[in-house]
Amino acid sequence: MLYLIGLGLDDGEITQKGIKALEKVDKAYAEFYTNTETVDLEKLEEQTGTEIEKLSREQVEQEDKIIESAEEKDTAFLVSGNALTATTHYEIKYRAEKEGLDVEVVHAPSIFTSISETGLNVYKFGRTVTLPQDFAPESIVEHIEKNDSIGLHTLVLLDINYDASEAAEKLIDLDEDLEDRKAIVLERANNEDQSISLAELGEFVDYDFGKPPHCIILVGDTSHMEEEFIEEYKLE
């Protein structure tokens, strides 16, 4: 049996269903290469009595450790945010089911629900893009332009520990027209010290943000209500 369990974005966001599953498994693994580690695994081990082994990206994507474990014993795979947001996690579910294993998915909050706290309507977001720290694919601008063409907001996910000020500068380097673009930075979503800031993207380049994780939202066409909501977060 394989349980794919979302941890949410902060301590306490794993669901009761997830806790019960973790209490009864024989083996548990966790990964944090898709998001900054914001969950205290030691506390979770104390709470459930189950030891949790952290895996690297290579161990998850290039080895069959999780599936091999689930073939022999009840196994949990813990994922930051929601259990199936990343394609690689759905692939594990798919391959496990192909092997004839029973798979149970336990969902949890993720960045895709947390962005609603900005006041922007979640139904008006277009394709999400991911901005890596070490290189700048041109496809990012293409996807932003496609979202812009129909007035949709763009969620820009950032590499782990990538500061939003550096990311804003890279976006402007990719497309200088973005410098004057209205943007929102959401810091540490769902954490007690969560922060939301609204400004033109260029203003964020020299802004001193707190610790990651950060994400950037390029604001598309807004309704009257959205405009009123997001103005609450405008930088002074």
Protein backbone atom coordinates (compact mmCIF):
# COMPACT_ATOMS: atom_id res chain seq x y z
CA MET A 1 0.00 0.00 0.00
CA LEU A 2 1.28 3.46 -0.90
CA TYR A 3 0.01 6.66 0.68
CA LEU A 4 0.83 9.95 -1.08
CA ILE A 5 0.38 12.56 1.63
CA GLY A 6 0.43 16.33 1.28
CA LEU A 7 2.08 18.20 4.17
CA GLY A 8 0.72 21.64 3.36
CA LEU A 9 2.93 24.70 3.61
CA ASP A 10 3.45 24.92 7.36
CA ASP A 11 3.35 22.82 10.53
CA GLY A 12 -0.18 21.75 11.36
CA GLU A 13 -1.52 21.71 7.80
CA ILE A 14 -1.28 17.98 7.28
CA THR A 15 -4.85 16.70 7.59
CA GLN A 16 -6.18 14.29 10.20
CA LYS A 17 -6.53 11.78 7.39
CA GLY A 18 -2.83 12.21 6.64
CA ILE A 19 -1.88 11.83 10.31
CA LYS A 20 -3.87 8.59 10.62
CA ALA A 21 -2.25 7.17 7.49
CA LEU A 22 1.23 8.10 8.74
CA GLU A 23 0.57 6.48 12.11
CA LYS A 24 -0.15 3.09 10.58
CA VAL A 25 2.52 2.78 7.85
CA ASP A 26 5.69 0.76 8.24
CA LYS A 27 7.92 3.16 6.31
CA ALA A 28 7.75 6.87 5.48
CA TYR A 29 9.72 9.06 3.09
CA ALA A 30 9.61 12.81 2.45
CA GLU A 31 10.98 15.18 -0.17
CA PHE A 32 11.66 18.92 -0.12
CA TYR A 33 13.20 19.56 -3.52
CA THR A 34 9.94 21.02 -4.87
CA ASN A 35 9.57 23.55 -2.07
CA THR A 36 11.44 25.07 0.85
CA GLU A 37 11.29 22.84 3.92
CA THR A 38 8.75 24.61 6.14
CA VAL A 39 7.51 21.54 8.03
CA ASP A 40 9.21 20.17 11.14
CA LEU A 41 9.53 16.45 10.43
CA GLU A 42 10.85 15.70 13.92
CA LYS A 43 7.60 16.98 15.45
CA LEU A 44 5.65 14.89 12.97
CA GLU A 45 7.69 11.83 13.92
CA GLU A 46 6.97 12.45 17.61
CA GLN A 47 3.28 12.94 16.90
CA THR A 48 2.83 9.81 14.81
CA GLY A 49 5.55 7.51 16.11
CA THR A 50 6.76 6.92 12.56
CA GLU A 51 10.33 7.57 11.46
CA ILE A 52 10.58 9.69 8.29
CA GLU A 53 13.49 9.46 5.86
CA LYS A 54 14.21 12.47 3.61
CA LEU A 55 14.98 11.69 -0.01
CA SER A 56 16.90 13.74 -2.57
CA ARG A 57 15.52 14.61 -5.98
CA GLU A 58 17.69 11.91 -7.55
CA GLN A 59 16.39 9.29 -5.14
CA VAL A 60 12.80 10.18 -6.00
CA GLU A 61 13.12 10.62 -9.75
CA GLN A 62 15.83 8.13 -10.68
CA GLU A 63 15.35 5.31 -8.19
CA ASP A 64 12.34 3.13 -7.42
CA LYS A 65 12.86 3.29 -3.67
CA ILE A 66 9.32 4.41 -2.88
CA ILE A 67 7.56 1.86 -5.08
CA GLU A 68 9.89 -0.96 -4.03
CA SER A 69 9.13 -0.16 -0.39
CA ALA A 70 5.38 -0.09 -1.05
CA GLU A 71 5.59 -3.52 -2.69
CA GLU A 72 6.82 -4.97 0.61
CA LYS A 73 5.14 -2.87 3.28
CA ASP A 74 2.70 -0.02 3.85
CA THR A 75 4.63 3.09 2.81
CA ALA A 76 3.97 6.84 2.98
CA PHE A 77 5.49 9.45 0.69
CA LEU A 78 5.23 12.96 2.17
CA VAL A 79 5.19 15.94 -0.13
CA SER A 80 5.35 19.66 0.61
CA GLY A 81 2.07 21.36 -0.29
CA ASN A 82 -0.39 19.14 -2.11
CA ALA A 83 0.51 15.53 -2.84
CA LEU A 84 0.03 15.66 -6.61
CA THR A 85 0.94 19.19 -7.68
CA ALA A 86 4.28 18.14 -9.16
CA THR A 87 4.25 15.93 -12.25
CA THR A 88 6.91 13.65 -10.77
CA HIS A 89 4.60 12.81 -7.87
CA TYR A 90 1.72 11.89 -10.14
CA GLU A 91 4.12 9.69 -12.08
CA ILE A 92 4.85 7.76 -8.87
CA LYS A 93 1.11 7.25 -8.37
CA TYR A 94 0.73 6.14 -11.99
CA ARG A 95 3.64 3.68 -11.88
CA ALA A 96 2.56 2.26 -8.53
CA GLU A 97 -0.92 1.56 -9.86
CA LYS A 98 0.58 -0.02 -12.98
CA GLU A 99 2.46 -2.36 -10.63
CA GLY A 100 -0.85 -3.35 -9.07
CA LEU A 101 -0.33 -1.46 -5.81
CA ASP A 102 -3.14 0.17 -3.88
CA VAL A 103 -2.59 3.94 -3.74
CA GLU A 104 -4.35 6.45 -1.52
CA VAL A 105 -3.88 10.20 -2.03
CA VAL A 106 -4.27 12.56 0.94
CA HIS A 107 -4.52 16.17 -0.21
CA ALA A 108 -3.43 19.31 1.66
CA PRO A 109 -3.20 23.11 1.14
CA SER A 110 -0.80 24.36 -1.53
CA ILE A 111 0.36 27.60 -3.11
CA PHE A 112 -2.43 27.24 -5.67
CA THR A 113 -5.02 27.80 -2.97
CA SER A 114 -2.98 30.26 -0.88
CA ILE A 115 -2.77 32.82 -3.70
CA SER A 116 -6.43 33.63 -3.05
CA GLU A 117 -5.28 35.54 0.06
CA THR A 118 -3.95 38.27 -2.22
CA GLY A 119 -7.50 39.22 -3.19
CA LEU A 120 -7.08 38.05 -6.78
CA ASN A 121 -9.67 35.61 -8.07
CA VAL A 122 -8.17 32.12 -8.43
CA TYR A 123 -10.34 31.51 -11.50
CA LYS A 124 -8.54 34.33 -13.31
CA PHE A 125 -5.05 32.83 -13.20
CA GLY A 126 -3.51 31.51 -16.39
CA ARG A 127 -0.65 29.10 -16.87
CA THR A 128 1.80 28.98 -13.96
CA VAL A 129 5.49 29.44 -14.79
CA THR A 130 8.57 28.46 -12.80
CA LEU A 131 11.58 30.78 -12.76
CA PRO A 132 14.84 28.90 -12.08
CA GLN A 133 17.70 30.66 -10.35
CA ASP A 134 20.52 29.52 -12.60
CA PHE A 135 19.11 30.19 -16.04
CA ALA A 136 16.32 32.11 -17.77
CA PRO A 137 14.30 30.21 -20.39
CA GLU A 138 12.63 32.42 -23.00
CA SER A 139 9.50 30.29 -22.76
CA ILE A 140 8.66 32.09 -19.51
CA VAL A 141 8.01 35.35 -21.36
CA GLU A 142 6.00 33.50 -23.99
CA HIS A 143 3.70 32.02 -21.37
CA ILE A 144 3.33 35.37 -19.60
CA GLU A 145 2.39 37.02 -22.90
CA LYS A 146 -0.21 34.33 -23.60
CA ASN A 147 -1.78 34.93 -20.20
CA ASP A 148 -1.65 38.68 -20.78
CA SER A 149 -3.39 38.33 -24.14
CA ILE A 150 -6.56 37.19 -22.39
CA GLY A 151 -6.15 39.28 -19.26
CA LEU A 152 -5.14 36.50 -16.88
CA HIS A 153 -2.87 36.76 -13.84
CA THR A 154 0.42 34.84 -13.93
CA LEU A 155 1.77 32.97 -10.92
CA VAL A 156 5.57 32.80 -11.06
CA LEU A 157 6.95 30.07 -8.82
CA LEU A 158 10.58 30.52 -7.77
CA ASP A 159 13.38 28.06 -7.19
CA ILE A 160 13.93 27.02 -3.57
CA ASN A 161 15.42 29.88 -1.53
CA TYR A 162 15.28 32.22 -4.55
CA ASP A 163 14.68 35.76 -3.33
CA ALA A 164 11.85 37.66 -5.03
CA SER A 165 14.02 40.77 -5.53
CA GLU A 166 16.53 38.79 -7.59
CA ALA A 167 13.73 37.05 -9.44
CA ALA A 168 12.08 40.38 -10.26
CA GLU A 169 15.36 41.62 -11.75
CA LYS A 170 15.67 38.50 -13.89
CA LEU A 171 12.11 38.87 -15.16
CA ILE A 172 12.83 42.45 -16.19
CA ASP A 173 16.04 41.32 -17.92
CA LEU A 174 13.94 38.84 -19.88
CA ASP A 175 11.37 41.49 -20.82
CA GLU A 176 12.01 45.14 -19.96
CA ASP A 177 8.31 45.92 -20.42
CA LEU A 178 7.66 44.05 -17.17
CA GLU A 179 9.44 46.72 -15.13
CA ASP A 180 6.27 48.81 -14.91
CA ARG A 181 4.00 45.81 -14.47
CA LYS A 182 1.80 45.66 -11.39
CA ALA A 183 2.95 42.68 -9.34
CA ILE A 184 2.39 40.98 -6.01
CA VAL A 185 4.95 39.11 -3.91
CA LEU A 186 3.61 36.49 -1.53
CA GLU A 187 6.17 35.54 1.12
CA ARG A 188 5.99 32.40 3.27
CA ALA A 189 2.46 31.44 2.26
CA ASN A 190 0.35 30.02 5.11
CA ASN A 191 3.08 30.64 7.71
CA GLU A 192 2.46 32.84 10.75
CA ASP A 193 4.76 35.51 9.28
CA GLN A 194 3.19 35.47 5.83
CA SER A 195 3.49 38.78 3.98
CA ILE A 196 1.88 40.19 0.83
CA SER A 197 3.21 43.20 -1.08
CA LEU A 198 1.89 45.06 -4.15
CA ALA A 199 4.01 47.33 -6.35
CA GLU A 200 5.38 47.69 -9.84
CA LEU A 201 7.80 44.84 -10.53
CA GLY A 202 10.74 47.24 -10.83
CA GLU A 203 10.16 48.45 -7.26
CA PHE A 204 10.75 44.94 -5.96
CA VAL A 205 14.29 44.75 -7.37
CA ASP A 206 15.78 46.68 -4.45
CA TYR A 207 13.22 45.65 -1.86
CA ASP A 208 14.38 43.76 1.22
CA PHE A 209 12.15 40.72 1.51
CA GLY A 210 12.16 38.29 4.40
CA LYS A 211 13.20 34.66 4.29
CA PRO A 212 11.85 32.40 1.51
CA PRO A 213 9.80 30.82 0.14
CA HIS A 214 8.58 33.62 -2.14
CA CYS A 215 6.44 33.72 -5.25
CA ILE A 216 5.55 36.52 -7.66
CA ILE A 217 2.19 37.22 -9.26
CA LEU A 218 2.03 39.38 -12.39
CA VAL A 219 -1.37 41.02 -12.18
CA GLY A 220 -3.58 40.77 -15.26
CA ASP A 221 -6.91 42.51 -15.84
CA THR A 222 -8.67 43.12 -12.54
CA SER A 223 -12.29 43.54 -11.57
CA HIS A 224 -13.34 46.47 -9.42
CA MET A 225 -13.42 44.22 -6.36
CA GLU A 226 -10.00 42.68 -7.07
CA GLU A 227 -8.52 46.15 -7.48
CA GLU A 228 -9.98 47.23 -4.15
CA PHE A 229 -8.72 44.10 -2.37
CA ILE A 230 -5.13 44.16 -3.62
CA GLU A 231 -4.68 47.89 -2.92
CA GLU A 232 -4.58 46.93 0.76
CA TYR A 233 -1.11 45.46 0.14
CA LYS A 234 0.41 48.38 -1.74
CA LEU A 235 3.91 49.33 -0.65
CA GLU A 236 4.09 52.71 1.06
